[in-house]
Amino acid sequence: MADSPNCDLTSLSPLQLFERVTEQGEKVRALKAGKAPKDEIDVAVRRLLSLKLSYKTTTGQDYQAGLPPKDLVLINNGTTKEEDEDLVDPWNVQTSNAKGVDYDKLIVRFGSSKIDTDLINRIERATGQKPHHFLRRGIFFSHRDMDQVLDAYENKKPFYLYTGRGPSSQAMHVGHLIPFMFTKWLQEVFDVPLVIQLTDDEKYLWKDMTIEKAYEYARENAKDIIACGFDINKTFIFSDLDYLGTSAGFYKNIVKVQKHVTFNQVKGIFGFTDSDCIGKISFPAIQAAPSFSSSFPQIFNGKENIQCLIPCAIDQDPYFRMTRDVAPRIGQPKPALLHSVFFPALQGAQTKMSASDPNSSIFLTDTPKQIKTKINKHAFSGGRDTIEEHRKYGGNCDVDVSFMYLTFFLEDDDRLEQLKQAYTSGELLTGELKKVLIETMQPLVAAHQERRKQVTDEIVKQFMTPRKLAFEF
């Protein structure tokens, strides 16, 4: 995003400055291509040069397109700011730590609550079910008001689940399955309705794609979501481009949120600037609206007091901090949240997965051979440089991507612990650990592909048709 002229550039991290320069460069190219007035182009060019100078002053490096700064620590005064090490917002996740984002610090920064043993035990008592391994292993690690949801459930009061997907590509990767796997478990153990928002409008606004392509991706992604095994009688999947035009309740809630959030507030929360299109600025209200049961009168019979629980990755929390601030002012209950950690790229927890880089993750369209090749070739290792050193000193599970992936997808706690002990002691080599991951991921992806083949366009249409679900309100 381009900065407004008065932005204090000294407060930005190197990565943020890099993104500002990139955005401004794109703006200059667009102005020239559109044959804008010379004065307007000159102003944009001067702004670009100023940003490039700030970037070099901060990083000591010349800006190079497509090459983000290697060192994310500010060097202005030779000191390191720990709080600047991790950059987390709805569009960027960046860390300088090979272990990944420091989630304890993130809990403090975001003001959420840690999911501790007491809460996990309470969920087990309430549901009568063994907690999901995502809870047991701290993959879902943070929450807002989950205690209130459990209070309501124990007092026979209803709640519902809401999660979503931004359809930025036709093929989803295994990391995209994490919130849906957990949401499916929550729906089953609590027996509650679920709404799934496909933000095709958001992707059109942020990405270089046509509105038709965004809508096409939404329907393709819906097939992968349905293939996770959701109950059609208890689940409503909707595209923003479709549903907003058919639901008065949904649009009314969007307008209510829009009225109670100022431009200054969204600039502060999301970093929007005067150069962003008004679609981006108004979009947070669209992601907020499914948090309110009155957005789905066909499901909840028009009732407005049913609390929502949102399982999501913690980078989405800014949307719902805004939502929780607005909710009391428009007479709605605050949504509760369960936050997950980020799924690492194959190249390591410091790097970001990209739909445009097929080697950054395992995609749901990959063949067994592709899965094997990707893991063997690209999965970042926590092993030693030589077999002799590995046998002597052992591997580091904290940075080893194969082990990280197994914490997500290997359900057997005892087996996971055995692998950890063997790898840490040096008994298990990196190649052997990768073999375990390959043998875990190949059948998982193959089974998903078989289920997806059974999802027809007609089934997608049924899931995405506004209708009453198998609940009485």
Protein backbone atom coordinates (compact mmCIF):
# COMPACT_ATOMS: atom_id res chain seq x y z
CA MET A 1 0.00 0.00 0.00
CA ALA A 2 1.21 3.49 -0.77
CA ASP A 3 1.66 5.89 2.10
CA SER A 4 -0.01 9.20 2.45
CA PRO A 5 2.55 12.02 2.17
CA ASN A 6 2.42 12.71 5.90
CA CYS A 7 3.06 9.14 7.01
CA ASP A 8 5.94 8.79 9.52
CA LEU A 9 8.17 6.40 7.57
CA THR A 10 10.56 5.97 10.50
CA SER A 11 7.89 3.93 12.31
CA LEU A 12 7.71 1.33 9.53
CA SER A 13 9.59 -1.97 9.51
CA PRO A 14 11.92 -2.79 6.58
CA LEU A 15 9.33 -5.19 5.17
CA GLN A 16 6.57 -2.57 5.41
CA LEU A 17 8.80 -0.05 3.64
CA PHE A 18 9.57 -2.61 0.94
CA GLU A 19 5.83 -3.12 0.37
CA ARG A 20 5.23 0.65 0.24
CA VAL A 21 7.93 1.08 -2.42
CA THR A 22 6.52 -1.81 -4.45
CA GLU A 23 3.00 -0.40 -4.26
CA GLN A 24 4.12 3.09 -5.21
CA GLY A 25 6.10 1.72 -8.16
CA GLU A 26 2.96 -0.03 -9.40
CA LYS A 27 1.04 3.22 -9.01
CA VAL A 28 3.59 5.12 -11.11
CA ARG A 29 3.42 2.49 -13.84
CA ALA A 30 -0.37 2.62 -13.83
CA LEU A 31 -0.40 6.40 -14.09
CA LYS A 32 2.04 6.34 -17.02
CA ALA A 33 0.13 3.55 -18.77
CA GLY A 34 -3.09 5.49 -18.32
CA LYS A 35 -1.49 8.68 -19.67
CA ALA A 36 -2.31 10.62 -16.52
CA PRO A 37 -1.52 14.35 -16.34
CA LYS A 38 2.21 15.08 -16.08
CA ASP A 39 1.83 16.89 -12.75
CA GLU A 40 0.15 13.84 -11.20
CA ILE A 41 2.86 11.51 -12.52
CA ASP A 42 5.60 13.82 -11.22
CA VAL A 43 4.11 13.82 -7.72
CA ALA A 44 3.91 10.01 -7.74
CA VAL A 45 7.52 9.68 -8.98
CA ARG A 46 8.80 12.03 -6.27
CA ARG A 47 6.94 9.96 -3.70
CA LEU A 48 8.53 6.79 -5.09
CA LEU A 49 12.03 8.25 -4.89
CA SER A 50 11.39 9.41 -1.33
CA LEU A 51 10.23 5.93 -0.32
CA LYS A 52 13.28 4.32 -1.95
CA LEU A 53 15.55 6.70 -0.03
CA SER A 54 13.80 5.85 3.26
CA TYR A 55 14.15 2.16 2.46
CA LYS A 56 17.91 2.48 1.87
CA THR A 57 18.36 4.61 4.99
CA THR A 58 16.54 2.02 7.11
CA THR A 59 18.00 -1.17 5.65
CA GLY A 60 21.33 -0.10 4.20
CA GLN A 61 20.25 -1.81 0.98
CA ASP A 62 19.08 -0.48 -2.37
CA TYR A 63 15.49 -1.42 -3.21
CA GLN A 64 15.31 -4.33 -5.66
CA ALA A 65 11.93 -5.35 -7.04
CA GLY A 66 10.88 -8.82 -5.93
CA LEU A 67 13.67 -9.10 -3.33
CA PRO A 68 12.38 -8.28 0.19
CA PRO A 69 14.96 -7.21 2.78
CA LYS A 70 16.95 -10.12 4.21
CA ASP A 71 17.37 -8.44 7.56
CA LEU A 72 14.06 -7.40 9.13
CA VAL A 73 15.63 -5.66 12.14
CA LEU A 74 15.74 -1.87 12.08
CA ILE A 75 19.28 -0.55 11.89
CA ASN A 76 18.65 3.17 12.36
CA ASN A 77 20.34 3.37 15.75
CA GLY A 78 22.02 -0.02 15.94
CA THR A 79 19.46 -1.39 18.39
CA THR A 80 17.02 -4.25 18.01
CA LYS A 81 13.33 -3.91 18.80
CA GLU A 82 11.91 -7.31 19.68
CA GLU A 83 8.37 -6.21 18.95
CA ASP A 84 9.43 -5.46 15.36
CA GLU A 85 10.61 -9.02 14.69
CA ASP A 86 7.15 -10.38 13.86
CA LEU A 87 4.87 -8.68 11.37
CA VAL A 88 1.32 -10.08 11.51
CA ASP A 89 -1.73 -8.63 9.79
CA PRO A 90 -4.48 -10.05 7.54
CA TRP A 91 -2.19 -9.87 4.48
CA ASN A 92 1.35 -10.35 5.79
CA VAL A 93 3.05 -12.76 8.16
CA GLN A 94 6.79 -12.27 8.58
CA THR A 95 9.23 -13.33 11.27
CA SER A 96 13.00 -13.36 11.67
CA ASN A 97 12.86 -16.42 13.97
CA ALA A 98 13.48 -19.85 12.44
CA LYS A 99 11.02 -21.31 14.96
CA GLY A 100 8.27 -19.07 13.59
CA VAL A 101 6.12 -16.36 15.14
CA ASP A 102 6.39 -15.85 18.91
CA TYR A 103 2.78 -16.58 19.81
CA ASP A 104 3.11 -15.71 23.49
CA LYS A 105 4.13 -12.19 22.49
CA LEU A 106 1.34 -12.08 19.94
CA ILE A 107 -1.22 -12.91 22.64
CA VAL A 108 0.05 -9.96 24.67
CA ARG A 109 0.12 -7.65 21.64
CA PHE A 110 -3.39 -8.59 20.49
CA GLY A 111 -4.86 -8.78 24.00
CA SER A 112 -6.34 -12.26 23.65
CA SER A 113 -6.22 -15.13 26.17
CA LYS A 114 -4.11 -18.26 26.07
CA ILE A 115 -5.91 -21.59 25.66
CA ASP A 116 -4.66 -23.31 28.79
CA THR A 117 -5.13 -26.78 30.24
CA ASP A 118 -8.13 -25.68 32.31
CA LEU A 119 -10.01 -24.49 29.22
CA ILE A 120 -9.14 -27.65 27.27
CA ASN A 121 -10.37 -29.79 30.17
CA ARG A 122 -13.58 -27.76 30.34
CA ILE A 123 -14.20 -28.31 26.61
CA GLU A 124 -13.71 -32.03 27.20
CA ARG A 125 -16.18 -32.05 30.09
CA ALA A 126 -18.76 -30.03 28.15
CA THR A 127 -18.61 -32.19 25.02
CA GLY A 128 -17.79 -35.57 26.50
CA GLN A 129 -15.19 -35.92 23.74
CA LYS A 130 -11.40 -36.13 23.77
CA PRO A 131 -10.06 -32.70 22.76
CA HIS A 132 -8.95 -32.41 19.15
CA HIS A 133 -5.19 -32.81 18.67
CA PHE A 134 -5.08 -29.20 17.46
CA LEU A 135 -6.08 -28.22 21.01
CA ARG A 136 -3.87 -30.77 22.74
CA ARG A 137 -0.79 -29.59 20.80
CA GLY A 138 -1.39 -25.85 21.00
CA ILE A 139 -2.15 -25.44 17.29
CA PHE A 140 -5.27 -23.56 18.39
CA PHE A 141 -3.59 -21.56 21.14
CA SER A 142 -5.53 -18.36 21.83
CA HIS A 143 -9.16 -17.33 22.35
CA ARG A 144 -11.59 -14.56 23.05
CA ASP A 145 -14.61 -15.35 25.27
CA MET A 146 -14.58 -19.13 24.77
CA ASP A 147 -15.61 -19.34 28.43
CA GLN A 148 -18.81 -17.46 27.57
CA VAL A 149 -19.57 -19.89 24.75
CA LEU A 150 -19.15 -22.82 27.14
CA ASP A 151 -21.35 -21.07 29.73
CA ALA A 152 -24.08 -20.73 27.10
CA TYR A 153 -23.70 -24.31 25.92
CA GLU A 154 -23.86 -25.71 29.45
CA ASN A 155 -27.04 -23.67 30.00
CA LYS A 156 -28.60 -25.07 26.80
CA LYS A 157 -28.33 -21.76 24.98
CA PRO A 158 -27.52 -21.95 21.25
CA PHE A 159 -24.48 -20.64 19.42
CA TYR A 160 -23.17 -21.06 15.90
CA LEU A 161 -19.86 -21.33 14.07
CA TYR A 162 -18.51 -18.99 11.42
CA THR A 163 -15.30 -19.38 9.44
CA GLY A 164 -14.20 -18.47 5.93
CA ARG A 165 -11.85 -18.71 3.01
CA GLY A 166 -10.41 -16.07 0.71
CA PRO A 167 -10.42 -17.81 -2.70
CA SER A 168 -7.18 -16.51 -4.20
CA SER A 169 -6.40 -19.60 -6.28
CA GLN A 170 -8.14 -22.60 -7.80
CA ALA A 171 -6.07 -25.13 -5.84
CA MET A 172 -5.96 -24.99 -2.05
CA HIS A 173 -2.98 -26.35 -0.11
CA VAL A 174 -2.96 -28.55 2.98
CA GLY A 175 -2.50 -25.53 5.26
CA HIS A 176 -5.90 -24.24 4.13
CA LEU A 177 -7.48 -27.40 5.58
CA ILE A 178 -6.50 -26.56 9.18
CA PRO A 179 -9.43 -24.25 10.11
CA PHE A 180 -11.91 -26.49 8.30
CA MET A 181 -10.70 -29.69 9.97
CA PHE A 182 -11.04 -28.04 13.37
CA THR A 183 -14.36 -26.37 12.56
CA LYS A 184 -15.78 -29.73 11.45
CA TRP A 185 -14.78 -31.22 14.79
CA LEU A 186 -16.35 -28.31 16.69
CA GLN A 187 -19.57 -28.65 14.70
CA GLU A 188 -19.78 -32.36 15.41
CA VAL A 189 -19.04 -32.27 19.16
CA PHE A 190 -21.27 -29.25 19.87
CA ASP A 191 -23.91 -30.02 17.18
CA VAL A 192 -24.37 -26.43 16.00
CA PRO A 193 -24.99 -24.60 12.69
CA LEU A 194 -22.05 -23.44 10.61
CA VAL A 195 -21.74 -20.62 8.08
CA ILE A 196 -18.70 -20.42 5.77
CA GLN A 197 -17.97 -17.14 4.01
CA LEU A 198 -16.12 -17.15 0.68
CA THR A 199 -14.69 -13.66 0.31
CA ASP A 200 -14.48 -13.55 -3.47
CA ASP A 201 -15.20 -9.82 -3.33
CA GLU A 202 -12.13 -9.28 -1.15
CA LYS A 203 -9.87 -11.16 -3.56
CA TYR A 204 -11.17 -9.13 -6.50
CA LEU A 205 -10.40 -5.92 -4.60
CA TRP A 206 -6.90 -6.95 -3.46
CA LYS A 207 -5.66 -9.21 -6.25
CA ASP A 208 -5.03 -8.76 -9.95
CA MET A 209 -7.96 -10.88 -11.12
CA THR A 210 -11.33 -10.39 -12.77
CA ILE A 211 -14.51 -10.57 -10.75
CA GLU A 212 -15.52 -13.63 -12.78
CA LYS A 213 -12.28 -15.39 -11.87
CA ALA A 214 -12.73 -14.60 -8.19
CA TYR A 215 -16.22 -16.10 -8.29
CA GLU A 216 -14.94 -19.17 -10.15
CA TYR A 217 -12.25 -19.72 -7.51
CA ALA A 218 -14.89 -19.43 -4.78
CA ARG A 219 -16.93 -22.29 -6.25
CA GLU A 220 -13.82 -24.44 -6.80
CA ASN A 221 -12.68 -23.82 -3.23
CA ALA A 222 -16.17 -24.70 -2.01
CA LYS A 223 -15.66 -28.20 -3.46
CA ASP A 224 -12.50 -28.66 -1.39
CA ILE A 225 -14.29 -27.38 1.72
CA ILE A 226 -17.26 -29.70 1.18
CA ALA A 227 -14.81 -32.58 0.68
CA CYS A 228 -13.74 -32.11 4.31
CA GLY A 229 -17.01 -33.84 5.21
CA PHE A 230 -19.37 -31.11 6.37
CA ASP A 231 -23.02 -32.02 6.91
CA ILE A 232 -25.16 -30.39 4.22
CA ASN A 233 -28.10 -30.18 6.64
CA LYS A 234 -26.10 -28.14 9.14
CA THR A 235 -23.82 -26.02 6.94
CA PHE A 236 -24.37 -22.97 4.73
CA ILE A 237 -21.55 -21.90 2.41
CA PHE A 238 -21.93 -18.54 0.70
CA SER A 239 -20.12 -16.31 -1.75
CA ASP A 240 -20.19 -12.62 -0.88
CA LEU A 241 -20.79 -11.79 -4.55
CA ASP A 242 -23.91 -13.97 -4.43
CA TYR A 243 -25.31 -13.62 -0.94
CA LEU A 244 -25.00 -9.89 -0.36
CA GLY A 245 -27.49 -9.24 -3.13
CA THR A 246 -30.09 -11.65 -1.78
CA SER A 247 -30.08 -11.10 1.99
CA ALA A 248 -31.52 -7.91 3.42
CA GLY A 249 -30.41 -8.96 6.90
CA PHE A 250 -26.82 -9.39 5.79
CA TYR A 251 -26.69 -6.02 4.06
CA LYS A 252 -28.37 -4.21 6.97
CA ASN A 253 -25.67 -5.48 9.32
CA ILE A 254 -22.95 -4.38 6.90
CA VAL A 255 -24.41 -0.86 6.84
CA LYS A 256 -24.71 -0.77 10.64
CA VAL A 257 -21.05 -1.69 11.03
CA GLN A 258 -20.04 0.83 8.36
CA LYS A 259 -21.87 3.60 10.20
CA HIS A 260 -20.08 2.89 13.48
CA VAL A 261 -16.50 2.59 12.19
CA THR A 262 -14.65 5.69 11.03
CA PHE A 263 -12.07 5.96 8.26
CA ASN A 264 -9.45 6.81 10.88
CA GLN A 265 -10.27 3.61 12.75
CA VAL A 266 -9.86 1.32 9.74
CA LYS A 267 -6.66 3.13 8.79
CA GLY A 268 -5.33 2.44 12.27
CA ILE A 269 -6.45 -1.19 12.32
CA PHE A 270 -5.64 -2.25 8.77
CA GLY A 271 -3.12 0.30 7.55
CA PHE A 272 -5.35 1.64 4.76
CA THR A 273 -4.26 4.89 3.17
CA ASP A 274 -5.81 7.60 1.03
CA SER A 275 -4.58 5.74 -2.03
CA ASP A 276 -6.61 2.58 -1.34
CA CYS A 277 -9.82 2.03 -3.24
CA ILE A 278 -13.03 2.53 -1.25
CA GLY A 279 -13.84 -1.15 -1.72
CA LYS A 280 -10.95 -2.12 0.52
CA ILE A 281 -11.94 0.43 3.12
CA SER A 282 -15.52 -0.85 3.31
CA PHE A 283 -14.67 -4.56 3.13
CA PRO A 284 -14.03 -5.15 6.88
CA ALA A 285 -17.74 -4.55 7.50
CA ILE A 286 -18.54 -7.38 5.08
CA GLN A 287 -16.30 -9.80 6.96
CA ALA A 288 -17.84 -8.63 10.23
CA ALA A 289 -21.49 -9.17 9.23
CA PRO A 290 -21.55 -13.02 9.43
CA SER A 291 -20.70 -12.63 13.14
CA PHE A 292 -24.34 -11.65 13.73
CA SER A 293 -27.13 -14.23 13.51
CA SER A 294 -29.54 -11.72 11.95
CA SER A 295 -27.40 -11.91 8.79
CA PHE A 296 -28.94 -15.36 8.27
CA PRO A 297 -32.68 -15.04 8.95
CA GLN A 298 -33.38 -18.25 7.04
CA ILE A 299 -31.25 -20.18 9.56
CA PHE A 300 -31.97 -18.39 12.83
CA ASN A 301 -35.57 -17.33 12.24
CA GLY A 302 -34.63 -13.66 12.52
CA LYS A 303 -33.20 -13.95 16.04
CA GLU A 304 -30.44 -11.44 16.81
CA ASN A 305 -29.09 -12.66 20.16
CA ILE A 306 -27.32 -15.90 19.18
CA GLN A 307 -23.60 -15.79 19.85
CA CYS A 308 -21.07 -16.67 17.18
CA LEU A 309 -17.80 -18.60 17.61
CA ILE A 310 -15.12 -18.01 14.96
CA PRO A 311 -12.23 -20.46 14.48
CA CYS A 312 -9.53 -18.75 12.38
CA ALA A 313 -5.82 -18.09 12.07
CA ILE A 314 -4.75 -15.25 14.35
CA ASP A 315 -3.88 -12.96 11.42
CA GLN A 316 -7.64 -12.49 10.93
CA ASP A 317 -8.10 -11.19 14.47
CA PRO A 318 -7.96 -7.46 13.50
CA TYR A 319 -11.26 -7.87 11.63
CA PHE A 320 -12.93 -9.27 14.70
CA ARG A 321 -11.39 -6.86 17.20
CA MET A 322 -13.18 -4.22 15.15
CA THR A 323 -16.34 -6.36 15.11
CA ARG A 324 -16.28 -6.91 18.86
CA ASP A 325 -15.90 -3.16 19.40
CA VAL A 326 -18.89 -2.39 17.19
CA ALA A 327 -21.21 -5.20 18.32
CA PRO A 328 -22.56 -3.63 21.56
CA ARG A 329 -23.22 -0.36 19.78
CA ILE A 330 -25.53 -2.05 17.26
CA GLY A 331 -27.21 -4.26 19.84
CA GLN A 332 -25.41 -7.50 18.92
CA PRO A 333 -23.43 -10.00 21.04
CA LYS A 334 -19.68 -9.97 20.60
CA PRO A 335 -18.36 -12.91 18.59
CA ALA A 336 -16.01 -15.29 20.39
CA LEU A 337 -12.83 -16.52 18.69
CA LEU A 338 -10.42 -19.44 18.64
CA HIS A 339 -7.06 -18.60 17.04
CA SER A 340 -4.71 -21.01 15.31
CA VAL A 341 -0.99 -20.73 14.65
CA PHE A 342 0.24 -20.26 11.09
CA PHE A 343 0.96 -23.22 8.86
CA PRO A 344 4.63 -23.08 7.80
CA ALA A 345 5.91 -23.07 4.24
CA LEU A 346 8.01 -26.06 3.24
CA GLN A 347 11.07 -23.80 3.13
CA GLY A 348 10.69 -22.96 6.82
CA ALA A 349 8.62 -21.00 9.33
CA GLN A 350 10.37 -17.75 8.36
CA THR A 351 8.99 -17.89 4.82
CA LYS A 352 5.45 -17.36 3.59
CA MET A 353 3.48 -19.83 1.52
CA SER A 354 2.33 -18.54 -1.83
CA ALA A 355 -0.31 -19.92 -4.17
CA SER A 356 1.92 -18.77 -7.03
CA ASP A 357 4.83 -20.90 -5.76
CA PRO A 358 3.92 -24.59 -6.11
CA ASN A 359 6.94 -25.59 -4.03
CA SER A 360 5.97 -23.56 -0.97
CA SER A 361 3.47 -26.17 0.21
CA ILE A 362 1.71 -29.42 -0.59
CA PHE A 363 -1.36 -28.67 -2.68
CA LEU A 364 -4.55 -30.69 -2.65
CA THR A 365 -4.06 -31.40 -6.36
CA ASP A 366 -0.56 -32.88 -5.93
CA THR A 367 0.17 -36.47 -6.98
CA PRO A 368 1.92 -38.91 -4.63
CA LYS A 369 5.11 -38.42 -6.64
CA GLN A 370 4.88 -34.62 -6.38
CA ILE A 371 4.33 -34.86 -2.62
CA LYS A 372 7.38 -37.08 -2.22
CA THR A 373 9.56 -34.83 -4.38
CA LYS A 374 8.48 -31.62 -2.62
CA ILE A 375 9.12 -33.00 0.86
CA ASN A 376 12.47 -34.56 -0.02
CA LYS A 377 13.69 -31.52 -1.96
CA HIS A 378 12.15 -28.50 -0.22
CA ALA A 379 11.19 -29.37 3.39
CA PHE A 380 13.50 -27.36 5.65
CA SER A 381 15.56 -29.65 7.88
CA GLY A 382 16.46 -29.32 11.52
CA GLY A 383 19.13 -31.98 11.07
CA ARG A 384 22.89 -31.61 11.20
CA ASP A 385 25.26 -31.16 8.27
CA THR A 386 26.60 -34.70 8.43
CA ILE A 387 25.26 -38.06 9.59
CA GLU A 388 28.04 -38.24 12.19
CA GLU A 389 27.11 -34.86 13.67
CA HIS A 390 23.40 -35.74 13.60
CA ARG A 391 23.99 -39.01 15.44
CA LYS A 392 26.06 -37.15 18.05
CA TYR A 393 24.03 -33.98 18.56
CA GLY A 394 20.56 -34.83 17.25
CA GLY A 395 18.07 -32.79 15.22
CA ASN A 396 16.06 -29.69 16.11
CA CYS A 397 12.31 -30.35 15.96
CA ASP A 398 11.58 -26.67 16.65
CA VAL A 399 12.72 -25.66 13.16
CA ASP A 400 12.28 -28.91 11.21
CA VAL A 401 9.35 -28.49 8.80
CA SER A 402 8.70 -32.22 8.42
CA PHE A 403 8.16 -32.48 12.17
CA MET A 404 6.03 -29.31 12.15
CA TYR A 405 3.79 -30.80 9.46
CA LEU A 406 3.47 -34.02 11.45
CA THR A 407 2.22 -32.06 14.47
CA PHE A 408 -0.67 -30.93 12.26
CA PHE A 409 -1.47 -34.18 10.47
CA LEU A 410 -0.24 -37.13 12.54
CA GLU A 411 -3.04 -37.75 15.04
CA ASP A 412 -1.26 -40.38 17.17
CA ASP A 413 0.25 -38.53 20.15
CA ASP A 414 2.44 -41.45 21.21
CA ARG A 415 3.86 -41.89 17.70
CA LEU A 416 4.58 -38.17 17.43
CA GLU A 417 6.41 -38.17 20.76
CA GLN A 418 8.46 -41.22 19.70
CA LEU A 419 9.51 -39.43 16.53
CA LYS A 420 10.44 -36.32 18.48
CA GLN A 421 12.60 -38.25 20.92
CA ALA A 422 14.27 -40.28 18.16
CA TYR A 423 15.01 -37.22 16.01
CA THR A 424 16.22 -35.12 18.94
CA SER A 425 18.54 -37.89 20.11
CA GLY A 426 19.99 -38.44 16.63
CA GLU A 427 18.61 -41.96 16.31
CA LEU A 428 16.26 -40.83 13.50
CA LEU A 429 17.79 -39.14 10.46
CA THR A 430 16.23 -36.29 8.46
CA GLY A 431 15.57 -38.55 5.47
CA GLU A 432 13.78 -41.04 7.71
CA LEU A 433 11.64 -38.29 9.25
CA LYS A 434 10.75 -37.02 5.78
CA LYS A 435 9.75 -40.57 4.84
CA VAL A 436 7.26 -40.63 7.75
CA LEU A 437 5.79 -37.33 6.56
CA ILE A 438 5.52 -38.59 2.98
CA GLU A 439 3.73 -41.72 4.20
CA THR A 440 1.37 -39.50 6.22
CA MET A 441 0.60 -36.92 3.54
CA GLN A 442 0.20 -39.13 0.47
CA PRO A 443 -2.87 -41.05 1.73
CA LEU A 444 -4.35 -37.93 3.34
CA VAL A 445 -4.24 -35.96 0.08
CA ALA A 446 -5.34 -38.96 -2.00
CA ALA A 447 -8.37 -39.50 0.25
CA HIS A 448 -9.28 -35.82 -0.03
CA GLN A 449 -9.03 -36.00 -3.82
CA GLU A 450 -11.37 -39.01 -3.89
CA ARG A 451 -13.94 -37.19 -1.74
CA ARG A 452 -13.67 -34.09 -3.90
CA LYS A 453 -14.44 -36.11 -7.03
CA GLN A 454 -17.82 -36.88 -5.50
CA VAL A 455 -18.66 -33.18 -5.02
CA THR A 456 -20.73 -32.22 -8.05
CA ASP A 457 -21.81 -28.74 -9.12
CA GLU A 458 -25.30 -29.66 -7.93
CA ILE A 459 -24.00 -30.46 -4.43
CA VAL A 460 -22.15 -27.12 -4.36
CA LYS A 461 -25.38 -25.39 -5.35
CA GLN A 462 -27.25 -27.09 -2.51
CA PHE A 463 -24.65 -26.05 0.08
CA MET A 464 -24.73 -22.48 -1.26
CA THR A 465 -28.51 -22.08 -1.43
CA PRO A 466 -29.91 -19.90 1.42
CA ARG A 467 -32.18 -22.23 3.36
CA LYS A 468 -33.28 -23.45 6.77
CA LEU A 469 -30.83 -25.86 8.40
CA ALA A 470 -31.58 -28.81 10.69
CA PHE A 471 -32.06 -26.63 13.79
CA GLU A 472 -34.99 -24.89 15.43
CA PHE A 473 -34.65 -21.33 16.73
